[in-house]
C-alpha atoms as a PDB file:
ATOM      1  CA  MET A   1     111.242  88.078 105.290  1.00  0.00           C
ATOM      2  CA  SER A   2     107.468  87.913 104.869  1.00  0.00           C
ATOM      3  CA  VAL A   3     105.153  90.373 103.188  1.00  0.00           C
ATOM      4  CA  VAL A   4     102.007  91.257 105.159  1.00  0.00           C
ATOM      5  CA  HIS A   5      98.701  91.830 103.360  1.00  0.00           C
ATOM      6  CA  VAL A   6      95.739  93.378 105.206  1.00  0.00           C
ATOM      7  CA  VAL A   7      92.491  91.434 104.885  1.00  0.00           C
ATOM      8  CA  ASP A   8      89.536  93.392 103.499  1.00  0.00           C
ATOM      9  CA  ARG A   9      86.306  92.396 105.248  1.00  0.00           C
ATOM     10  CA  PHE A  10      84.072  94.926 103.506  1.00  0.00           C
ATOM     11  CA  GLY A  11      81.581  93.688 100.970  1.00  0.00           C
ATOM     12  CA  GLY A  12      80.606  90.461 102.718  1.00  0.00           C
ATOM     13  CA  GLY A  13      83.826  88.456 102.495  1.00  0.00           C
ATOM     14  CA  GLU A  14      87.430  88.189 103.558  1.00  0.00           C
ATOM     15  CA  ARG A  15      89.638  89.161 100.629  1.00  0.00           C
ATOM     16  CA  VAL A  16      93.311  89.951 100.295  1.00  0.00           C
ATOM     17  CA  GLY A  17      95.563  91.174  97.493  1.00  0.00           C
ATOM     18  CA  CYS A  18      97.575  88.302  95.999  1.00  0.00           C
ATOM     19  CA  PRO A  19     100.900  89.321  94.447  1.00  0.00           C
ATOM     20  CA  LEU A  20     101.154  86.040  92.511  1.00  0.00           C
ATOM     21  CA  GLN A  21      97.737  86.319  90.876  1.00  0.00           C
ATOM     22  CA  GLY A  22      97.793  90.099  90.620  1.00  0.00           C
ATOM     23  CA  ARG A  23      94.264  90.425  91.992  1.00  0.00           C
ATOM     24  CA  ASP A  24      92.206  90.176  95.175  1.00  0.00           C
ATOM     25  CA  VAL A  25      91.393  86.620  96.242  1.00  0.00           C
ATOM     26  CA  ASP A  26      89.310  85.056  98.979  1.00  0.00           C
ATOM     27  CA  VAL A  27      91.462  84.306 102.041  1.00  0.00           C
ATOM     28  CA  ASP A  28      90.498  80.628 101.685  1.00  0.00           C
ATOM     29  CA  GLU A  29      92.529  80.519  98.451  1.00  0.00           C
ATOM     30  CA  CYS A  30      95.657  81.360 100.462  1.00  0.00           C
ATOM     31  CA  GLN A  31      95.453  78.027 102.304  1.00  0.00           C
ATOM     32  CA  GLY A  32      96.834  76.096  99.324  1.00  0.00           C
ATOM     33  CA  CYS A  33      99.642  78.525  98.490  1.00  0.00           C
ATOM     34  CA  PRO A  34     103.187  77.294  99.216  1.00  0.00           C
ATOM     35  CA  ARG A  35     104.271  80.879 100.015  1.00  0.00           C
ATOM     36  CA  LEU A  36     101.780  81.223 102.910  1.00  0.00           C
ATOM     37  CA  LYS A  37     103.420  81.804 106.297  1.00  0.00           C
ATOM     38  CA  GLU A  38     100.577  82.957 108.556  1.00  0.00           C
ATOM     39  CA  ILE A  39      96.920  83.968 108.572  1.00  0.00           C
ATOM     40  CA  ASP A  40      95.515  85.855 111.568  1.00  0.00           C
ATOM     41  CA  LEU A  41      91.874  86.774 111.100  1.00  0.00           C
ATOM     42  CA  GLY A  42      91.443  87.437 114.829  1.00  0.00           C
ATOM     43  CA  ALA A  43      93.986  90.264 115.021  1.00  0.00           C
ATOM     44  CA  ASP A  44      92.870  93.877 115.462  1.00  0.00           C
ATOM     45  CA  VAL A  45      93.887  94.301 111.831  1.00  0.00           C
ATOM     46  CA  PRO A  46      93.425  90.872 110.201  1.00  0.00           C
ATOM     47  CA  TYR A  47      96.270  89.887 107.881  1.00  0.00           C
ATOM     48  CA  VAL A  48      97.912  87.266 105.713  1.00  0.00           C
ATOM     49  CA  ALA A  49     101.705  86.941 105.715  1.00  0.00           C
ATOM     50  CA  CYS A  50     103.506  85.235 102.856  1.00  0.00           C
ATOM     51  CA  ASP A  51     106.874  85.010 101.174  1.00  0.00           C
ATOM     52  CA  PRO A  52     107.242  87.636  98.452  1.00  0.00           C
ATOM     53  CA  PRO A  53     107.121  86.384  94.859  1.00  0.00           C
ATOM     54  CA  MET A  54     110.453  85.824  93.166  1.00  0.00           C
ATOM     55  CA  PRO A  55     111.342  88.584  90.673  1.00  0.00           C
ATOM     56  CA  ARG A  56     110.902  87.426  87.090  1.00  0.00           C
ATOM     57  CA  TRP A  57     114.551  88.146  86.259  1.00  0.00           C
ATOM     58  CA  TRP A  58     115.525  85.550  88.878  1.00  0.00           C
ATOM     59  CA  LEU A  59     113.766  82.681  87.125  1.00  0.00           C
ATOM     60  CA  PRO A  60     116.338  80.135  85.876  1.00  0.00           C
ATOM     61  CA  GLU A  61     114.965  80.038  82.339  1.00  0.00           C
ATOM     62  CA  LEU A  62     115.429  83.810  82.053  1.00  0.00           C
ATOM     63  CA  ALA A  63     118.873  83.929  83.671  1.00  0.00           C
ATOM     64  CA  ALA A  64     120.670  82.175  80.799  1.00  0.00           C
END
């Protein structure tokens, strides 16, 4: 199941909220992310779809 983030084109760029970094990033930064599933900047509502981040309690080092 992917999480869809709407791309913000206001202010002279294409930015999107990144759940991993906890801040807005330029859409170009999404290209290198292993969680990226799809980018559609040509859609009526441009978006980035990615896998949701793993909850911190699920990390192996915290599960012990």
